[in-house]
């Protein structure tokens, strides 16, 4: 039976909205609107709060982001580093040019795993445990 995401919180800020849903597979923070400097701190707080709960996977779904400031990218890079240190896989989901263009311009696509849609990200993440298991002795 597929897991049904349960909404955890909703934050609406001047130019953006964050919705968090939790399932057995992942915690997804869906961001919508403009990720500008005025919401970067709120984005960071939301991600820190979710990461502190040690989800199996932390996903930022930026499919509805219309603008992404450098400060928001800094928050995502820091979250990726913190998640790595905590042993929590972290991915970014977006097809939006408003996010992909600055990521590419800054070379951050090498630091942040980016997927085109949530289903693709979750499929890859489901394989991750098998990829990180030690090889059997021959």
N, C-alpha and C. Protein backbone atom coordinates (compact mmCIF):
# COMPACT_ATOMS: atom_id res chain seq x y z
N UNK A 1 0.85 -1.17 0.00
CA UNK A 1 0.00 0.00 0.00
C UNK A 1 0.89 1.23 0.00
N UNK A 2 0.68 2.17 -0.94
CA UNK A 2 1.52 3.36 -0.98
C UNK A 2 1.28 4.25 0.23
N UNK A 3 2.34 4.88 0.68
CA UNK A 3 2.24 5.77 1.83
C UNK A 3 1.52 7.04 1.42
N UNK A 4 0.71 7.54 2.32
CA UNK A 4 -0.01 8.79 2.07
C UNK A 4 0.73 9.89 2.83
N UNK A 5 1.20 10.91 2.10
CA UNK A 5 1.91 11.98 2.79
C UNK A 5 0.98 12.71 3.76
N UNK A 6 1.48 12.98 4.93
CA UNK A 6 0.72 13.71 5.92
C UNK A 6 1.28 15.12 6.04
N UNK A 7 0.43 16.14 5.92
CA UNK A 7 0.95 17.49 6.04
C UNK A 7 1.42 17.76 7.46
N UNK A 8 2.56 18.38 7.60
CA UNK A 8 3.10 18.69 8.91
C UNK A 8 2.89 20.16 9.24
N UNK A 9 3.24 21.02 8.34
CA UNK A 9 3.14 22.44 8.63
C UNK A 9 2.98 23.21 7.34
N UNK A 10 2.57 24.42 7.48
CA UNK A 10 2.45 25.29 6.32
C UNK A 10 2.93 26.66 6.75
N UNK A 11 3.81 27.22 5.99
CA UNK A 11 4.31 28.56 6.27
C UNK A 11 4.09 29.43 5.06
N UNK A 12 3.49 30.58 5.26
CA UNK A 12 3.28 31.52 4.17
C UNK A 12 4.03 32.79 4.54
N UNK A 13 4.91 33.22 3.65
CA UNK A 13 5.71 34.40 3.89
C UNK A 13 5.44 35.40 2.78
N UNK A 14 6.04 36.55 2.85
CA UNK A 14 5.76 37.64 1.92
C UNK A 14 5.74 37.20 0.46
N UNK A 15 6.71 36.42 0.06
CA UNK A 15 6.81 36.08 -1.35
C UNK A 15 6.88 34.58 -1.62
N UNK A 16 6.75 33.76 -0.58
CA UNK A 16 6.88 32.32 -0.77
C UNK A 16 5.97 31.56 0.19
N UNK A 17 5.76 30.31 -0.14
CA UNK A 17 4.99 29.41 0.73
C UNK A 17 5.75 28.10 0.84
N UNK A 18 5.78 27.53 2.04
CA UNK A 18 6.41 26.25 2.28
C UNK A 18 5.39 25.30 2.86
N UNK A 19 5.26 24.13 2.26
CA UNK A 19 4.40 23.07 2.77
C UNK A 19 5.27 21.85 3.01
N UNK A 20 5.12 21.23 4.16
CA UNK A 20 5.89 20.04 4.49
C UNK A 20 4.96 18.86 4.58
N UNK A 21 5.31 17.79 3.87
CA UNK A 21 4.55 16.54 3.99
C UNK A 21 5.52 15.43 4.36
N UNK A 22 5.03 14.52 5.16
CA UNK A 22 5.85 13.44 5.69
C UNK A 22 5.23 12.10 5.31
N UNK A 23 6.06 11.20 4.83
CA UNK A 23 5.63 9.82 4.58
C UNK A 23 6.72 8.90 5.09
N UNK A 24 6.50 7.61 4.98
CA UNK A 24 7.51 6.65 5.42
C UNK A 24 8.78 6.76 4.58
N UNK A 25 8.65 7.20 3.33
CA UNK A 25 9.79 7.27 2.43
C UNK A 25 10.59 8.55 2.56
N UNK A 26 9.90 9.68 2.82
CA UNK A 26 10.61 10.96 2.76
C UNK A 26 9.82 12.07 3.43
N UNK A 27 10.55 13.11 3.79
CA UNK A 27 9.95 14.38 4.16
C UNK A 27 10.19 15.31 2.99
N UNK A 28 9.11 15.92 2.52
CA UNK A 28 9.19 16.81 1.36
C UNK A 28 8.78 18.21 1.77
N UNK A 29 9.67 19.16 1.59
CA UNK A 29 9.35 20.56 1.77
C UNK A 29 9.11 21.13 0.39
N UNK A 30 7.85 21.45 0.09
CA UNK A 30 7.49 22.03 -1.21
C UNK A 30 7.50 23.54 -1.07
N UNK A 31 8.31 24.18 -1.88
CA UNK A 31 8.41 25.64 -1.87
C UNK A 31 7.73 26.19 -3.11
N UNK A 32 7.03 27.30 -2.93
CA UNK A 32 6.35 27.95 -4.04
C UNK A 32 6.56 29.45 -3.94
N UNK A 33 6.67 30.09 -5.08
CA UNK A 33 6.83 31.54 -5.10
C UNK A 33 8.28 31.94 -5.25
N UNK A 34 8.61 33.08 -4.64
CA UNK A 34 9.94 33.65 -4.77
C UNK A 34 10.80 33.35 -3.54
N UNK A 35 11.89 32.66 -3.77
CA UNK A 35 12.84 32.38 -2.69
C UNK A 35 13.88 33.51 -2.70
N UNK A 36 13.46 34.64 -2.16
CA UNK A 36 14.34 35.80 -2.13
C UNK A 36 14.95 35.96 -0.75
N UNK A 37 15.71 37.01 -0.57
CA UNK A 37 16.42 37.21 0.69
C UNK A 37 15.46 37.35 1.87
N UNK A 38 14.24 37.82 1.62
CA UNK A 38 13.29 38.02 2.72
C UNK A 38 12.76 36.71 3.30
N UNK A 39 12.87 35.61 2.57
CA UNK A 39 12.38 34.32 3.07
C UNK A 39 13.49 33.31 3.31
N UNK A 40 14.73 33.67 3.02
CA UNK A 40 15.84 32.73 3.16
C UNK A 40 15.97 32.21 4.59
N UNK A 41 15.82 33.08 5.57
CA UNK A 41 15.93 32.64 6.97
C UNK A 41 14.80 31.68 7.33
N UNK A 42 13.61 31.95 6.84
CA UNK A 42 12.48 31.06 7.11
C UNK A 42 12.67 29.70 6.43
N UNK A 43 13.22 29.72 5.23
CA UNK A 43 13.54 28.47 4.53
C UNK A 43 14.57 27.68 5.33
N UNK A 44 15.61 28.37 5.79
CA UNK A 44 16.65 27.70 6.58
C UNK A 44 16.08 27.11 7.86
N UNK A 45 15.24 27.85 8.56
CA UNK A 45 14.64 27.36 9.80
C UNK A 45 13.77 26.13 9.54
N UNK A 46 12.97 26.18 8.48
CA UNK A 46 12.11 25.05 8.15
C UNK A 46 12.93 23.81 7.84
N UNK A 47 13.99 23.97 7.06
CA UNK A 47 14.84 22.83 6.71
C UNK A 47 15.60 22.30 7.92
N UNK A 48 16.10 23.19 8.77
CA UNK A 48 16.79 22.76 9.99
C UNK A 48 15.85 21.96 10.89
N UNK A 49 14.62 22.44 11.03
CA UNK A 49 13.64 21.76 11.88
C UNK A 49 13.36 20.35 11.34
N UNK A 50 13.18 20.22 10.05
CA UNK A 50 12.89 18.90 9.47
C UNK A 50 14.10 17.99 9.55
N UNK A 51 15.29 18.52 9.31
CA UNK A 51 16.50 17.71 9.37
C UNK A 51 16.75 17.21 10.79
N UNK A 52 16.41 18.02 11.78
CA UNK A 52 16.60 17.62 13.18
C UNK A 52 15.75 16.40 13.53
N UNK A 53 14.68 16.16 12.79
CA UNK A 53 13.81 15.00 13.02
C UNK A 53 14.37 13.73 12.37
N UNK A 54 15.48 13.85 11.66
CA UNK A 54 16.16 12.73 11.01
C UNK A 54 15.23 11.91 10.10
N UNK A 55 14.68 12.55 9.07
CA UNK A 55 13.82 11.80 8.16
C UNK A 55 14.66 10.80 7.36
N UNK A 56 14.02 9.79 6.76
CA UNK A 56 14.79 8.86 5.94
C UNK A 56 15.41 9.56 4.73
N UNK A 57 14.73 10.58 4.22
CA UNK A 57 15.18 11.38 3.08
C UNK A 57 14.58 12.77 3.24
N UNK A 58 15.34 13.80 2.88
CA UNK A 58 14.81 15.16 2.90
C UNK A 58 14.84 15.69 1.47
N UNK A 59 13.67 16.09 0.98
CA UNK A 59 13.52 16.57 -0.38
C UNK A 59 13.02 18.01 -0.35
N UNK A 60 13.64 18.87 -1.13
CA UNK A 60 13.10 20.20 -1.37
C UNK A 60 12.52 20.17 -2.77
N UNK A 61 11.20 20.34 -2.85
CA UNK A 61 10.50 20.37 -4.13
C UNK A 61 10.32 21.83 -4.52
N UNK A 62 11.13 22.27 -5.48
CA UNK A 62 11.10 23.66 -5.93
C UNK A 62 10.41 23.78 -7.28
N UNK A 63 9.49 22.88 -7.57
CA UNK A 63 8.81 22.88 -8.86
C UNK A 63 7.97 24.13 -9.08
N UNK A 64 7.56 24.79 -8.00
CA UNK A 64 6.71 25.98 -8.13
C UNK A 64 7.46 27.26 -7.73
N UNK A 65 8.77 27.22 -7.75
CA UNK A 65 9.57 28.40 -7.41
C UNK A 65 9.73 29.27 -8.65
N UNK A 66 9.40 30.55 -8.51
CA UNK A 66 9.47 31.48 -9.64
C UNK A 66 10.72 32.34 -9.64
N UNK A 67 11.42 32.41 -8.50
CA UNK A 67 12.66 33.17 -8.39
C UNK A 67 13.49 32.53 -7.29
N UNK A 68 14.80 32.45 -7.50
CA UNK A 68 15.67 31.85 -6.49
C UNK A 68 16.92 32.72 -6.33
N UNK A 69 17.00 33.41 -5.21
CA UNK A 69 18.14 34.28 -4.91
C UNK A 69 19.34 33.46 -4.48
N UNK A 70 20.51 34.08 -4.57
CA UNK A 70 21.75 33.42 -4.16
C UNK A 70 21.68 33.00 -2.69
N UNK A 71 21.03 33.78 -1.86
CA UNK A 71 20.93 33.43 -0.43
C UNK A 71 20.15 32.13 -0.25
N UNK A 72 19.11 31.93 -1.04
CA UNK A 72 18.35 30.68 -0.96
C UNK A 72 19.20 29.50 -1.42
N UNK A 73 20.03 29.72 -2.43
CA UNK A 73 20.95 28.65 -2.87
C UNK A 73 21.95 28.31 -1.77
N UNK A 74 22.40 29.34 -1.06
CA UNK A 74 23.31 29.11 0.07
C UNK A 74 22.64 28.24 1.13
N UNK A 75 21.37 28.52 1.39
CA UNK A 75 20.62 27.71 2.36
C UNK A 75 20.55 26.26 1.89
N UNK A 76 20.30 26.04 0.62
CA UNK A 76 20.20 24.67 0.09
C UNK A 76 21.54 23.95 0.18
N UNK A 77 22.63 24.64 -0.14
CA UNK A 77 23.96 24.02 -0.06
C UNK A 77 24.30 23.67 1.38
N UNK A 78 24.01 24.58 2.31
CA UNK A 78 24.27 24.31 3.73
C UNK A 78 23.43 23.15 4.21
N UNK A 79 22.17 23.10 3.80
CA UNK A 79 21.30 21.99 4.20
C UNK A 79 21.83 20.67 3.65
N UNK A 80 22.30 20.69 2.41
CA UNK A 80 22.87 19.46 1.82
C UNK A 80 24.07 18.99 2.64
N UNK A 81 24.93 19.91 3.05
CA UNK A 81 26.10 19.55 3.86
C UNK A 81 25.68 19.03 5.23
N UNK A 82 24.72 19.70 5.85
CA UNK A 82 24.23 19.26 7.16
C UNK A 82 23.56 17.89 7.07
N UNK A 83 22.80 17.68 6.00
CA UNK A 83 22.13 16.40 5.81
C UNK A 83 23.16 15.29 5.61
N UNK A 84 24.18 15.57 4.84
CA UNK A 84 25.24 14.59 4.62
C UNK A 84 25.90 14.22 5.95
N UNK A 85 26.20 15.23 6.75
CA UNK A 85 26.83 14.99 8.06
C UNK A 85 25.92 14.17 8.97
N UNK A 86 24.61 14.35 8.82
CA UNK A 86 23.64 13.62 9.65
C UNK A 86 23.28 12.26 9.06
N UNK A 87 23.79 11.95 7.87
CA UNK A 87 23.47 10.67 7.23
C UNK A 87 22.08 10.64 6.62
N UNK A 88 21.55 11.80 6.28
CA UNK A 88 20.21 11.89 5.69
C UNK A 88 20.37 12.28 4.22
N UNK A 89 19.94 11.44 3.29
CA UNK A 89 20.00 11.83 1.88
C UNK A 89 19.16 13.09 1.63
N UNK A 90 19.69 13.99 0.82
CA UNK A 90 19.04 15.26 0.52
C UNK A 90 19.04 15.47 -0.98
N UNK A 91 17.88 15.85 -1.54
CA UNK A 91 17.80 16.14 -2.97
C UNK A 91 16.92 17.35 -3.21
N UNK A 92 17.14 17.95 -4.37
CA UNK A 92 16.35 19.08 -4.84
C UNK A 92 15.58 18.62 -6.07
N UNK A 93 14.31 18.97 -6.13
CA UNK A 93 13.47 18.61 -7.27
C UNK A 93 13.01 19.89 -7.94
N UNK A 94 13.34 20.04 -9.22
CA UNK A 94 12.86 21.21 -9.97
C UNK A 94 13.13 21.04 -11.46
N UNK A 95 12.28 21.67 -12.23
CA UNK A 95 12.50 21.85 -13.67
C UNK A 95 12.53 23.34 -13.99
N UNK A 96 12.35 24.14 -12.97
CA UNK A 96 12.22 25.57 -13.15
C UNK A 96 13.54 26.23 -13.56
N UNK A 97 13.48 26.97 -14.63
CA UNK A 97 14.65 27.72 -15.09
C UNK A 97 15.11 28.70 -14.02
N UNK A 98 14.15 29.23 -13.26
CA UNK A 98 14.47 30.20 -12.21
C UNK A 98 15.37 29.61 -11.13
N UNK A 99 15.40 28.30 -11.02
CA UNK A 99 16.28 27.63 -10.05
C UNK A 99 17.49 27.03 -10.76
N UNK A 100 17.25 26.38 -11.88
CA UNK A 100 18.33 25.68 -12.58
C UNK A 100 19.39 26.63 -13.14
N UNK A 101 18.96 27.77 -13.61
CA UNK A 101 19.93 28.70 -14.21
C UNK A 101 20.96 29.19 -13.20
N UNK A 102 20.56 29.70 -12.03
CA UNK A 102 21.60 30.12 -11.08
C UNK A 102 22.41 28.93 -10.54
N UNK A 103 21.77 27.77 -10.39
CA UNK A 103 22.51 26.58 -9.95
C UNK A 103 23.64 26.26 -10.92
N UNK A 104 23.31 26.27 -12.19
CA UNK A 104 24.29 25.95 -13.23
C UNK A 104 25.34 27.03 -13.33
N UNK A 105 24.92 28.29 -13.28
CA UNK A 105 25.87 29.40 -13.39
C UNK A 105 26.91 29.35 -12.28
N UNK A 106 26.51 28.91 -11.11
CA UNK A 106 27.42 28.84 -9.96
C UNK A 106 28.10 27.47 -9.81
N UNK A 107 27.77 26.53 -10.68
CA UNK A 107 28.37 25.20 -10.61
C UNK A 107 27.84 24.36 -9.47
N UNK A 108 26.69 24.71 -8.93
CA UNK A 108 26.16 24.02 -7.76
C UNK A 108 25.45 22.71 -8.10
N UNK A 109 25.21 22.45 -9.36
CA UNK A 109 24.59 21.17 -9.72
C UNK A 109 25.51 20.00 -9.40
N UNK A 110 26.80 20.30 -9.19
CA UNK A 110 27.75 19.26 -8.78
C UNK A 110 27.67 18.99 -7.28
N UNK A 111 27.10 19.92 -6.54
CA UNK A 111 27.01 19.81 -5.08
C UNK A 111 25.62 19.36 -4.64
N UNK A 112 24.60 19.82 -5.34
CA UNK A 112 23.22 19.50 -5.00
C UNK A 112 22.67 18.48 -6.00
N UNK A 113 22.24 17.32 -5.52
CA UNK A 113 21.60 16.39 -6.43
C UNK A 113 20.23 16.96 -6.86
N UNK A 114 20.05 17.12 -8.17
CA UNK A 114 18.83 17.72 -8.71
C UNK A 114 18.10 16.70 -9.58
N UNK A 115 16.80 16.58 -9.35
CA UNK A 115 15.94 15.69 -10.14
C UNK A 115 14.82 16.49 -10.75
N UNK A 116 14.32 16.00 -11.88
CA UNK A 116 13.28 16.72 -12.62
C UNK A 116 11.92 16.65 -11.97
N UNK A 117 11.64 15.56 -11.28
CA UNK A 117 10.35 15.46 -10.59
C UNK A 117 10.48 14.59 -9.35
N UNK A 118 9.47 14.68 -8.52
CA UNK A 118 9.50 14.00 -7.23
C UNK A 118 9.55 12.48 -7.39
N UNK A 119 8.79 11.95 -8.33
CA UNK A 119 8.78 10.50 -8.55
C UNK A 119 10.17 9.99 -8.93
N UNK A 120 10.86 10.72 -9.80
CA UNK A 120 12.22 10.34 -10.21
C UNK A 120 13.17 10.35 -9.01
N UNK A 121 13.07 11.39 -8.19
CA UNK A 121 13.94 11.50 -7.01
C UNK A 121 13.67 10.36 -6.04
N UNK A 122 12.41 10.06 -5.77
CA UNK A 122 12.08 9.00 -4.82
C UNK A 122 12.47 7.63 -5.35
N UNK A 123 12.37 7.43 -6.66
CA UNK A 123 12.81 6.16 -7.26
C UNK A 123 14.30 5.96 -7.07
N UNK A 124 15.08 7.02 -7.33
CA UNK A 124 16.52 6.93 -7.14
C UNK A 124 16.85 6.70 -5.68
N UNK A 125 16.19 7.43 -4.80
CA UNK A 125 16.47 7.32 -3.37
C UNK A 125 16.11 5.94 -2.83
N UNK A 126 15.12 5.29 -3.43
CA UNK A 126 14.77 3.93 -3.00
C UNK A 126 15.90 2.95 -3.30
N UNK A 127 16.70 3.25 -4.32
CA UNK A 127 17.84 2.39 -4.67
C UNK A 127 19.06 2.66 -3.80
N UNK A 128 19.10 3.81 -3.17
CA UNK A 128 20.29 4.22 -2.41
C UNK A 128 20.76 3.20 -1.38
N UNK A 129 19.88 2.60 -0.58
CA UNK A 129 20.39 1.62 0.40
C UNK A 129 21.12 0.46 -0.26
N UNK A 130 20.63 0.03 -1.42
CA UNK A 130 21.30 -1.08 -2.10
C UNK A 130 22.65 -0.67 -2.67
N UNK A 131 22.77 0.61 -3.04
CA UNK A 131 24.02 1.10 -3.59
C UNK A 131 25.09 1.31 -2.53
N UNK A 132 24.65 1.51 -1.29
CA UNK A 132 25.61 1.79 -0.22
C UNK A 132 25.90 0.59 0.65
N UNK A 133 25.27 -0.57 0.39
CA UNK A 133 25.56 -1.78 1.14
C UNK A 133 26.95 -2.29 0.78
N UNK A 134 27.66 -2.85 1.75
CA UNK A 134 28.96 -3.43 1.41
C UNK A 134 28.79 -4.60 0.46
N UNK A 135 29.78 -4.76 -0.39
CA UNK A 135 29.76 -5.87 -1.35
C UNK A 135 29.91 -7.19 -0.59
N UNK A 136 29.20 -8.21 -1.02
CA UNK A 136 29.35 -9.51 -0.35
C UNK A 136 30.74 -10.09 -0.63
N UNK A 137 31.22 -10.84 0.33
CA UNK A 137 32.52 -11.49 0.15
C UNK A 137 32.40 -12.56 -0.91
N UNK A 138 33.39 -12.59 -1.77
CA UNK A 138 33.36 -13.59 -2.86
C UNK A 138 34.05 -14.85 -2.45
